Amino acid sequence: TLTYAFPARPNDLGQLVTCHAHLNLDGLVVHSSSAPMPLS
């Protein structure tokens, strides 16, 4: 579980945020990502 906080900005409204997981195995890359979530 990764938790991260960052300052809110006026133009953040409606921006989409996503989370990505990468396994970098000596050249073999396995990638997975989350569904996007809007900032509000």
PDB file of all heavy atoms in Angstrom:
ATOM      1  N   THR A   1       0.848  -1.189   0.000  1.00  0.00           N
ATOM      2  CA  THR A   1       0.000   0.000   0.000  1.00  0.00           C
ATOM      3  C   THR A   1       0.885   1.241   0.000  1.00  0.00           C
ATOM      4  O   THR A   1       1.766   1.383   0.852  1.00  0.00           O
ATOM      5  CB  THR A   1      -0.925   0.029   1.227  1.00  0.00           C
ATOM      6  OG1 THR A   1      -1.796  -1.106   1.183  1.00  0.00           O
ATOM      7  CG2 THR A   1      -1.764   1.297   1.248  1.00  0.00           C
ATOM      8  N   LEU A   2       0.660   2.108  -0.963  1.00  0.00           N
ATOM      9  CA  LEU A   2       1.414   3.354  -1.081  1.00  0.00           C
ATOM     10  C   LEU A   2       0.473   4.518  -0.816  1.00  0.00           C
ATOM     11  O   LEU A   2      -0.580   4.627  -1.439  1.00  0.00           O
ATOM     12  CB  LEU A   2       2.037   3.481  -2.472  1.00  0.00           C
ATOM     13  CG  LEU A   2       2.760   4.791  -2.776  1.00  0.00           C
ATOM     14  CD1 LEU A   2       4.015   4.927  -1.918  1.00  0.00           C
ATOM     15  CD2 LEU A   2       3.111   4.885  -4.251  1.00  0.00           C
ATOM     16  N   THR A   3       0.863   5.417   0.133  1.00  0.00           N
ATOM     17  CA  THR A   3       0.076   6.612   0.447  1.00  0.00           C
ATOM     18  C   THR A   3       0.907   7.848   0.146  1.00  0.00           C
ATOM     19  O   THR A   3       2.079   7.929   0.536  1.00  0.00           O
ATOM     20  CB  THR A   3      -0.345   6.616   1.933  1.00  0.00           C
ATOM     21  OG1 THR A   3      -1.104   5.424   2.209  1.00  0.00           O
ATOM     22  CG2 THR A   3      -1.195   7.828   2.258  1.00  0.00           C
ATOM     23  N   TYR A   4       0.280   8.795  -0.554  1.00  0.00           N
ATOM     24  CA  TYR A   4       1.014  10.001  -0.928  1.00  0.00           C
ATOM     25  C   TYR A   4       0.062  11.194  -0.866  1.00  0.00           C
ATOM     26  O   TYR A   4      -1.082  11.126  -1.327  1.00  0.00           O
ATOM     27  CB  TYR A   4       1.580   9.862  -2.339  1.00  0.00           C
ATOM     28  CG  TYR A   4       2.301  11.078  -2.839  1.00  0.00           C
ATOM     29  CD1 TYR A   4       3.519  11.464  -2.300  1.00  0.00           C
ATOM     30  CD2 TYR A   4       1.754  11.853  -3.869  1.00  0.00           C
ATOM     31  CE1 TYR A   4       4.189  12.590  -2.761  1.00  0.00           C
ATOM     32  CE2 TYR A   4       2.416  12.971  -4.342  1.00  0.00           C
ATOM     33  CZ  TYR A   4       3.633  13.338  -3.784  1.00  0.00           C
ATOM     34  OH  TYR A   4       4.286  14.450  -4.241  1.00  0.00           O
ATOM     35  N   ALA A   5       0.559  12.289  -0.265  1.00  0.00           N
ATOM     36  CA  ALA A   5      -0.216  13.529  -0.173  1.00  0.00           C
ATOM     37  C   ALA A   5       0.504  14.634  -0.933  1.00  0.00           C
ATOM     38  O   ALA A   5       1.739  14.726  -0.894  1.00  0.00           O
ATOM     39  CB  ALA A   5      -0.410  13.918   1.291  1.00  0.00           C
ATOM     40  N   PHE A   6      -0.268  15.487  -1.615  1.00  0.00           N
ATOM     41  CA  PHE A   6       0.323  16.591  -2.368  1.00  0.00           C
ATOM     42  C   PHE A   6      -0.625  17.785  -2.317  1.00  0.00           C
ATOM     43  O   PHE A   6      -1.842  17.634  -2.136  1.00  0.00           O
ATOM     44  CB  PHE A   6       0.594  16.180  -3.820  1.00  0.00           C
ATOM     45  CG  PHE A   6      -0.610  15.772  -4.599  1.00  0.00           C
ATOM     46  CD1 PHE A   6      -1.265  16.665  -5.437  1.00  0.00           C
ATOM     47  CD2 PHE A   6      -1.117  14.475  -4.499  1.00  0.00           C
ATOM     48  CE1 PHE A   6      -2.377  16.289  -6.163  1.00  0.00           C
ATOM     49  CE2 PHE A   6      -2.226  14.090  -5.224  1.00  0.00           C
ATOM     50  CZ  PHE A   6      -2.866  14.996  -6.055  1.00  0.00           C
ATOM     51  N   PRO A   7      -0.080  19.011  -2.463  1.00  0.00           N
ATOM     52  CA  PRO A   7      -0.908  20.217  -2.345  1.00  0.00           C
ATOM     53  C   PRO A   7      -1.990  20.278  -3.415  1.00  0.00           C
ATOM     54  O   PRO A   7      -1.769  19.927  -4.570  1.00  0.00           O
ATOM     55  CB  PRO A   7       0.107  21.363  -2.517  1.00  0.00           C
ATOM     56  CG  PRO A   7       1.435  20.749  -2.227  1.00  0.00           C
ATOM     57  CD  PRO A   7       1.338  19.327  -2.669  1.00  0.00           C
ATOM     58  N   ALA A   8      -3.168  20.724  -3.003  1.00  0.00           N
ATOM     59  CA  ALA A   8      -4.279  20.904  -3.952  1.00  0.00           C
ATOM     60  C   ALA A   8      -4.090  22.209  -4.708  1.00  0.00           C
ATOM     61  O   ALA A   8      -3.618  23.208  -4.160  1.00  0.00           O
ATOM     62  CB  ALA A   8      -5.596  20.901  -3.198  1.00  0.00           C
ATOM     63  N   ARG A   9      -4.475  22.202  -5.992  1.00  0.00           N
ATOM     64  CA  ARG A   9      -4.387  23.384  -6.832  1.00  0.00           C
ATOM     65  C   ARG A   9      -5.760  23.650  -7.452  1.00  0.00           C
ATOM     66  O   ARG A   9      -6.546  22.719  -7.650  1.00  0.00           O
ATOM     67  CB  ARG A   9      -3.351  23.183  -7.936  1.00  0.00           C
ATOM     68  CG  ARG A   9      -1.960  22.798  -7.445  1.00  0.00           C
ATOM     69  CD  ARG A   9      -1.025  22.594  -8.614  1.00  0.00           C
ATOM     70  NE  ARG A   9      -1.584  21.674  -9.610  1.00  0.00           N
ATOM     71  CZ  ARG A   9      -0.944  21.319 -10.730  1.00  0.00           C
ATOM     72  NH1 ARG A   9       0.259  21.811 -10.989  1.00  0.00           N
ATOM     73  NH2 ARG A   9      -1.517  20.492 -11.581  1.00  0.00           N
ATOM     74  N   PRO A  10      -6.043  24.897  -7.762  1.00  0.00           N
ATOM     75  CA  PRO A  10      -7.365  25.214  -8.340  1.00  0.00           C
ATOM     76  C   PRO A  10      -7.652  24.445  -9.627  1.00  0.00           C
ATOM     77  O   PRO A  10      -8.804  24.069  -9.877  1.00  0.00           O
ATOM     78  CB  PRO A  10      -7.277  26.727  -8.601  1.00  0.00           C
ATOM     79  CG  PRO A  10      -6.257  27.214  -7.628  1.00  0.00           C
ATOM     80  CD  PRO A  10      -5.257  26.115  -7.494  1.00  0.00           C
ATOM     81  N   ASN A  11      -6.608  24.212 -10.443  1.00  0.00           N
ATOM     82  CA  ASN A  11      -6.848  23.522 -11.721  1.00  0.00           C
ATOM     83  C   ASN A  11      -6.837  22.008 -11.575  1.00  0.00           C
ATOM     84  O   ASN A  11      -6.832  21.284 -12.571  1.00  0.00           O
ATOM     85  CB  ASN A  11      -5.818  23.946 -12.766  1.00  0.00           C
ATOM     86  CG  ASN A  11      -4.389  23.651 -12.325  1.00  0.00           C
ATOM     87  OD1 ASN A  11      -4.164  23.319 -11.173  1.00  0.00           O
ATOM     88  ND2 ASN A  11      -3.444  23.781 -13.242  1.00  0.00           N
ATOM     89  N   ASP A  12      -6.796  21.485 -10.338  1.00  0.00           N
ATOM     90  CA  ASP A  12      -6.859  20.037 -10.130  1.00  0.00           C
ATOM     91  C   ASP A  12      -8.261  19.479 -10.358  1.00  0.00           C
ATOM     92  O   ASP A  12      -8.426  18.276 -10.564  1.00  0.00           O
ATOM     93  CB  ASP A  12      -6.420  19.677  -8.701  1.00  0.00           C
ATOM     94  CG  ASP A  12      -4.906  19.717  -8.542  1.00  0.00           C
ATOM     95  OD1 ASP A  12      -4.203  19.664  -9.567  1.00  0.00           O
ATOM     96  OD2 ASP A  12      -4.438  19.789  -7.391  1.00  0.00           O
ATOM     97  N   LEU A  13      -9.270  20.348 -10.281  1.00  0.00           N
ATOM     98  CA  LEU A  13     -10.652  19.886 -10.390  1.00  0.00           C
ATOM     99  C   LEU A  13     -10.871  19.149 -11.704  1.00  0.00           C
ATOM    100  O   LEU A  13     -10.652  19.695 -12.793  1.00  0.00           O
ATOM    101  CB  LEU A  13     -11.611  21.072 -10.274  1.00  0.00           C
ATOM    102  CG  LEU A  13     -13.109  20.722 -10.292  1.00  0.00           C
ATOM    103  CD1 LEU A  13     -13.451  19.848  -9.092  1.00  0.00           C
ATOM    104  CD2 LEU A  13     -13.961  21.984 -10.307  1.00  0.00           C
ATOM    105  N   GLY A  14     -11.261  17.883 -11.618  1.00  0.00           N
ATOM    106  CA  GLY A  14     -11.538  17.074 -12.796  1.00  0.00           C
ATOM    107  C   GLY A  14     -10.328  16.343 -13.347  1.00  0.00           C
ATOM    108  O   GLY A  14     -10.472  15.506 -14.244  1.00  0.00           O
ATOM    109  N   GLN A  15      -9.124  16.635 -12.833  1.00  0.00           N
ATOM    110  CA  GLN A  15      -7.922  15.920 -13.293  1.00  0.00           C
ATOM    111  C   GLN A  15      -8.004  14.448 -12.889  1.00  0.00           C
ATOM    112  O   GLN A  15      -8.467  14.098 -11.803  1.00  0.00           O
ATOM    113  CB  GLN A  15      -6.666  16.544 -12.670  1.00  0.00           C
ATOM    114  CG  GLN A  15      -6.297  17.896 -13.231  1.00  0.00           C
ATOM    115  CD  GLN A  15      -5.434  17.774 -14.475  1.00  0.00           C
ATOM    116  OE1 GLN A  15      -4.989  16.685 -14.845  1.00  0.00           O
ATOM    117  NE2 GLN A  15      -5.225  18.890 -15.141  1.00  0.00           N
ATOM    118  N   LEU A  16      -7.547  13.567 -13.772  1.00  0.00           N
ATOM    119  CA  LEU A  16      -7.563  12.132 -13.486  1.00  0.00           C
ATOM    120  C   LEU A  16      -6.215  11.697 -12.908  1.00  0.00           C
ATOM    121  O   LEU A  16      -5.152  12.084 -13.416  1.00  0.00           O
ATOM    122  CB  LEU A  16      -7.862  11.340 -14.762  1.00  0.00           C
ATOM    123  CG  LEU A  16      -9.238  11.555 -15.387  1.00  0.00           C
ATOM    124  CD1 LEU A  16      -9.368  10.738 -16.673  1.00  0.00           C
ATOM    125  CD2 LEU A  16     -10.347  11.201 -14.405  1.00  0.00           C
ATOM    126  N   VAL A  17      -6.266  10.891 -11.866  1.00  0.00           N
ATOM    127  CA  VAL A  17      -5.056  10.335 -11.271  1.00  0.00           C
ATOM    128  C   VAL A  17      -5.103   8.811 -11.417  1.00  0.00           C
ATOM    129  O   VAL A  17      -6.181   8.196 -11.359  1.00  0.00           O
ATOM    130  CB  VAL A  17      -4.907  10.729  -9.785  1.00  0.00           C
ATOM    131  CG1 VAL A  17      -4.561  12.192  -9.652  1.00  0.00           C
ATOM    132  CG2 VAL A  17      -6.166  10.393  -9.007  1.00  0.00           C
ATOM    133  N   THR A  18      -3.936   8.201 -11.621  1.00  0.00           N
ATOM    134  CA  THR A  18      -3.834   6.748 -11.789  1.00  0.00           C
ATOM    135  C   THR A  18      -2.641   6.224 -11.002  1.00  0.00           C
ATOM    136  O   THR A  18      -1.695   6.969 -10.700  1.00  0.00           O
ATOM    137  CB  THR A  18      -3.669   6.357 -13.273  1.00  0.00           C
ATOM    138  OG1 THR A  18      -2.589   7.102 -13.835  1.00  0.00           O
ATOM    139  CG2 THR A  18      -4.937   6.616 -14.055  1.00  0.00           C
ATOM    140  N   CYS A  19      -2.674   4.927 -10.727  1.00  0.00           N
ATOM    141  CA  CYS A  19      -1.569   4.251 -10.029  1.00  0.00           C
ATOM    142  C   CYS A  19      -1.048   3.141 -10.936  1.00  0.00           C
ATOM    143  O   CYS A  19      -1.829   2.378 -11.528  1.00  0.00           O
ATOM    144  CB  CYS A  19      -2.059   3.668  -8.699  1.00  0.00           C
ATOM    145  SG  CYS A  19      -0.777   2.792  -7.772  1.00  0.00           S
ATOM    146  N   HIS A  20       0.290   3.053 -11.047  1.00  0.00           N
ATOM    147  CA  HIS A  20       0.925   2.079 -11.938  1.00  0.00           C
ATOM    148  C   HIS A  20       1.950   1.258 -11.161  1.00  0.00           C
ATOM    149  O   HIS A  20       2.724   1.792 -10.368  1.00  0.00           O
ATOM    150  CB  HIS A  20       1.621   2.784 -13.102  1.00  0.00           C
ATOM    151  CG  HIS A  20       0.705   3.657 -13.899  1.00  0.00           C
ATOM    152  ND1 HIS A  20       0.117   3.243 -15.074  1.00  0.00           N
ATOM    153  CD2 HIS A  20       0.253   4.921 -13.663  1.00  0.00           C
ATOM    154  CE1 HIS A  20      -0.647   4.212 -15.546  1.00  0.00           C
ATOM    155  NE2 HIS A  20      -0.580   5.237 -14.712  1.00  0.00           N
ATOM    156  N   ALA A  21       1.954  -0.059 -11.402  1.00  0.00           N
ATOM    157  CA  ALA A  21       2.909  -0.970 -10.774  1.00  0.00           C
ATOM    158  C   ALA A  21       3.770  -1.607 -11.848  1.00  0.00           C
ATOM    159  O   ALA A  21       3.257  -2.175 -12.813  1.00  0.00           O
ATOM    160  CB  ALA A  21       2.173  -2.046  -9.968  1.00  0.00           C
ATOM    161  N   HIS A  22       5.098  -1.506 -11.689  1.00  0.00           N
ATOM    162  CA  HIS A  22       6.045  -2.084 -12.645  1.00  0.00           C
ATOM    163  C   HIS A  22       6.957  -3.071 -11.920  1.00  0.00           C
ATOM    164  O   HIS A  22       7.548  -2.737 -10.894  1.00  0.00           O
ATOM    165  CB  HIS A  22       6.923  -0.994 -13.278  1.00  0.00           C
ATOM    166  CG  HIS A  22       6.198  -0.074 -14.196  1.00  0.00           C
ATOM    167  ND1 HIS A  22       5.475   1.015 -13.753  1.00  0.00           N
ATOM    168  CD2 HIS A  22       6.074  -0.078 -15.552  1.00  0.00           C
ATOM    169  CE1 HIS A  22       4.949   1.646 -14.789  1.00  0.00           C
ATOM    170  NE2 HIS A  22       5.296   1.007 -15.889  1.00  0.00           N
ATOM    171  N   LEU A  23       7.056  -4.279 -12.477  1.00  0.00           N
ATOM    172  CA  LEU A  23       8.090  -5.228 -12.067  1.00  0.00           C
ATOM    173  C   LEU A  23       9.168  -5.211 -13.141  1.00  0.00           C
ATOM    174  O   LEU A  23       8.924  -5.616 -14.281  1.00  0.00           O
ATOM    175  CB  LEU A  23       7.527  -6.652 -11.922  1.00  0.00           C
ATOM    176  CG  LEU A  23       6.877  -7.042 -10.599  1.00  0.00           C
ATOM    177  CD1 LEU A  23       6.322  -8.460 -10.699  1.00  0.00           C
ATOM    178  CD2 LEU A  23       7.858  -6.950  -9.448  1.00  0.00           C
ATOM    179  N   ASN A  24      10.357  -4.723 -12.786  1.00  0.00           N
ATOM    180  CA  ASN A  24      11.462  -4.667 -13.743  1.00  0.00           C
ATOM    181  C   ASN A  24      12.423  -5.790 -13.414  1.00  0.00           C
ATOM    182  O   ASN A  24      13.261  -5.676 -12.514  1.00  0.00           O
ATOM    183  CB  ASN A  24      12.160  -3.310 -13.671  1.00  0.00           C
ATOM    184  CG  ASN A  24      13.098  -3.107 -14.839  1.00  0.00           C
ATOM    185  OD1 ASN A  24      13.436  -4.060 -15.552  1.00  0.00           O
ATOM    186  ND2 ASN A  24      13.538  -1.882 -15.045  1.00  0.00           N
ATOM    187  N   LEU A  25      12.324  -6.903 -14.165  1.00  0.00           N
ATOM    188  CA  LEU A  25      13.057  -8.127 -13.855  1.00  0.00           C
ATOM    189  C   LEU A  25      14.200  -8.323 -14.851  1.00  0.00           C
ATOM    190  O   LEU A  25      14.130  -9.172 -15.737  1.00  0.00           O
ATOM    191  CB  LEU A  25      12.102  -9.322 -13.870  1.00  0.00           C
ATOM    192  CG  LEU A  25      10.888  -9.185 -12.945  1.00  0.00           C
ATOM    193  CD1 LEU A  25       9.886 -10.296 -13.211  1.00  0.00           C
ATOM    194  CD2 LEU A  25      11.315  -9.204 -11.485  1.00  0.00           C
ATOM    195  N   ASP A  26      15.249  -7.523 -14.691  1.00  0.00           N
ATOM    196  CA  ASP A  26      16.431  -7.647 -15.557  1.00  0.00           C
ATOM    197  C   ASP A  26      16.057  -7.620 -17.038  1.00  0.00           C
ATOM    198  O   ASP A  26      16.481  -8.472 -17.819  1.00  0.00           O
ATOM    199  CB  ASP A  26      17.211  -8.926 -15.229  1.00  0.00           C
ATOM    200  CG  ASP A  26      17.782  -8.907 -13.833  1.00  0.00           C
ATOM    201  OD1 ASP A  26      17.947  -7.801 -13.298  1.00  0.00           O
ATOM    202  OD2 ASP A  26      18.058  -9.982 -13.286  1.00  0.00           O
ATOM    203  N   GLY A  27      15.235  -6.656 -17.417  1.00  0.00           N
ATOM    204  CA  GLY A  27      14.833  -6.521 -18.814  1.00  0.00           C
ATOM    205  C   GLY A  27      13.416  -6.966 -19.100  1.00  0.00           C
ATOM    206  O   GLY A  27      12.793  -6.491 -20.047  1.00  0.00           O
ATOM    207  N   LEU A  28      12.894  -7.889 -18.289  1.00  0.00           N
ATOM    208  CA  LEU A  28      11.494  -8.298 -18.418  1.00  0.00           C
ATOM    209  C   LEU A  28      10.643  -7.368 -17.563  1.00  0.00           C
ATOM    210  O   LEU A  28      10.818  -7.300 -16.344  1.00  0.00           O
ATOM    211  CB  LEU A  28      11.319  -9.746 -17.954  1.00  0.00           C
ATOM    212  CG  LEU A  28       9.873 -10.256 -17.839  1.00  0.00           C
ATOM    213  CD1 LEU A  28       9.208 -10.282 -19.205  1.00  0.00           C
ATOM    214  CD2 LEU A  28       9.838 -11.637 -17.195  1.00  0.00           C
ATOM    215  N   VAL A  29       9.731  -6.619 -18.194  1.00  0.00           N
ATOM    216  CA  VAL A  29       8.913  -5.637 -17.492  1.00  0.00           C
ATOM    217  C   VAL A  29       7.464  -6.116 -17.465  1.00  0.00           C
ATOM    218  O   VAL A  29       6.873  -6.409 -18.508  1.00  0.00           O
ATOM    219  CB  VAL A  29       9.003  -4.253 -18.159  1.00  0.00           C
ATOM    220  CG1 VAL A  29       8.102  -3.254 -17.435  1.00  0.00           C
ATOM    221  CG2 VAL A  29      10.451  -3.762 -18.164  1.00  0.00           C
ATOM    222  N   VAL A  30       6.904  -6.202 -16.257  1.00  0.00           N
ATOM    223  CA  VAL A  30       5.497  -6.567 -16.068  1.00  0.00           C
ATOM    224  C   VAL A  30       4.780  -5.330 -15.539  1.00  0.00           C
ATOM    225  O   VAL A  30       5.170  -4.774 -14.503  1.00  0.00           O
ATOM    226  CB  VAL A  30       5.355  -7.740 -15.081  1.00  0.00           C
ATOM    227  CG1 VAL A  30       3.886  -8.109 -14.914  1.00  0.00           C
ATOM    228  CG2 VAL A  30       6.154  -8.943 -15.566  1.00  0.00           C
ATOM    229  N   HIS A  31       3.743  -4.888 -16.230  1.00  0.00           N
ATOM    230  CA  HIS A  31       3.081  -3.621 -15.902  1.00  0.00           C
ATOM    231  C   HIS A  31       1.602  -3.841 -15.632  1.00  0.00           C
ATOM    232  O   HIS A  31       0.932  -4.583 -16.346  1.00  0.00           O
ATOM    233  CB  HIS A  31       3.245  -2.620 -17.058  1.00  0.00           C
ATOM    234  CG  HIS A  31       2.471  -1.362 -16.873  1.00  0.00           C
ATOM    235  ND1 HIS A  31       1.253  -1.138 -17.487  1.00  0.00           N
ATOM    236  CD2 HIS A  31       2.722  -0.260 -16.122  1.00  0.00           C
ATOM    237  CE1 HIS A  31       0.801   0.045 -17.130  1.00  0.00           C
ATOM    238  NE2 HIS A  31       1.656   0.597 -16.307  1.00  0.00           N
ATOM    239  N   SER A  32       1.110  -3.190 -14.567  1.00  0.00           N
ATOM    240  CA  SER A  32      -0.320  -3.182 -14.259  1.00  0.00           C
ATOM    241  C   SER A  32      -0.688  -1.781 -13.798  1.00  0.00           C
ATOM    242  O   SER A  32       0.143  -1.066 -13.221  1.00  0.00           O
ATOM    243  CB  SER A  32      -0.671  -4.199 -13.169  1.00  0.00           C
ATOM    244  OG  SER A  32      -0.361  -5.512 -13.584  1.00  0.00           O
ATOM    245  N   SER A  33      -1.950  -1.389 -14.026  1.00  0.00           N
ATOM    246  CA  SER A  33      -2.367  -0.042 -13.627  1.00  0.00           C
ATOM    247  C   SER A  33      -3.797  -0.075 -13.093  1.00  0.00           C
ATOM    248  O   SER A  33      -4.564  -1.013 -13.349  1.00  0.00           O
ATOM    249  CB  SER A  33      -2.266   0.939 -14.801  1.00  0.00           C
ATOM    250  OG  SER A  33      -3.066   0.499 -15.876  1.00  0.00           O
ATOM    251  N   SER A  34      -4.139   0.972 -12.362  1.00  0.00           N
ATOM    252  CA  SER A  34      -5.461   1.076 -11.757  1.00  0.00           C
ATOM    253  C   SER A  34      -6.420   1.789 -12.695  1.00  0.00           C
ATOM    254  O   SER A  34      -6.015   2.369 -13.716  1.00  0.00           O
ATOM    255  CB  SER A  34      -5.366   1.858 -10.446  1.00  0.00           C
ATOM    256  OG  SER A  34      -5.071   3.231 -10.732  1.00  0.00           O
ATOM    257  N   ALA A  35      -7.689   1.779 -12.331  1.00  0.00           N
ATOM    258  CA  ALA A  35      -8.672   2.609 -13.031  1.00  0.00           C
ATOM    259  C   ALA A  35      -8.442   4.066 -12.619  1.00  0.00           C
ATOM    260  O   ALA A  35      -8.030   4.345 -11.492  1.00  0.00           O
ATOM    261  CB  ALA A  35     -10.079   2.172 -12.661  1.00  0.00           C
ATOM    262  N   PRO A  36      -8.666   5.013 -13.522  1.00  0.00           N
ATOM    263  CA  PRO A  36      -8.452   6.433 -13.180  1.00  0.00           C
ATOM    264  C   PRO A  36      -9.496   6.938 -12.189  1.00  0.00           C
ATOM    265  O   PRO A  36     -10.647   6.503 -12.193  1.00  0.00           O
ATOM    266  CB  PRO A  36      -8.565   7.148 -14.528  1.00  0.00           C
ATOM    267  CG  PRO A  36      -9.389   6.233 -15.378  1.00  0.00           C
ATOM    268  CD  PRO A  36      -9.086   4.846 -14.930  1.00  0.00           C
ATOM    269  N   MET A  37      -9.068   7.889 -11.343  1.00  0.00           N
ATOM    270  CA  MET A  37      -9.948   8.530 -10.374  1.00  0.00           C
ATOM    271  C   MET A  37      -9.846  10.040 -10.525  1.00  0.00           C
ATOM    272  O   MET A  37      -8.742  10.573 -10.662  1.00  0.00           O
ATOM    273  CB  MET A  37      -9.558   8.129  -8.944  1.00  0.00           C
ATOM    274  CG  MET A  37      -9.889   6.699  -8.594  1.00  0.00           C
ATOM    275  SD  MET A  37     -11.681   6.497  -8.398  1.00  0.00           S
ATOM    276  CE  MET A  37     -11.761   4.725  -8.128  1.00  0.00           C
ATOM    277  N   PRO A  38     -10.983  10.763 -10.515  1.00  0.00           N
ATOM    278  CA  PRO A  38     -10.925  12.227 -10.678  1.00  0.00           C
ATOM    279  C   PRO A  38     -10.639  12.922  -9.348  1.00  0.00           C
ATOM    280  O   PRO A  38     -11.061  12.481  -8.278  1.00  0.00           O
ATOM    281  CB  PRO A  38     -12.324  12.569 -11.187  1.00  0.00           C
ATOM    282  CG  PRO A  38     -13.205  11.510 -10.598  1.00  0.00           C
ATOM    283  CD  PRO A  38     -12.369  10.267 -10.517  1.00  0.00           C
ATOM    284  N   LEU A  39      -9.898  14.034  -9.436  1.00  0.00           N
ATOM    285  CA  LEU A  39      -9.701  14.896  -8.277  1.00  0.00           C
ATOM    286  C   LEU A  39     -10.904  15.828  -8.167  1.00  0.00           C
ATOM    287  O   LEU A  39     -11.432  16.309  -9.162  1.00  0.00           O
ATOM    288  CB  LEU A  39      -8.425  15.717  -8.424  1.00  0.00           C
ATOM    289  CG  LEU A  39      -7.106  14.944  -8.404  1.00  0.00           C
ATOM    290  CD1 LEU A  39      -5.950  15.870  -8.735  1.00  0.00           C
ATOM    291  CD2 LEU A  39      -6.891  14.274  -7.063  1.00  0.00           C
ATOM    292  N   SER A  40     -11.353  16.097  -6.927  1.00  0.00           N
ATOM    293  CA  SER A  40     -12.517  16.944  -6.719  1.00  0.00           C
ATOM    294  C   SER A  40     -12.369  17.688  -5.406  1.00  0.00           C
ATOM    295  O   SER A  40     -11.852  17.161  -4.423  1.00  0.00           O
ATOM    296  CB  SER A  40     -13.802  16.099  -6.713  1.00  0.00           C
ATOM    297  OG  SER A  40     -14.902  16.894  -6.331  1.00  0.00           O
TER     298      SER A  40
END
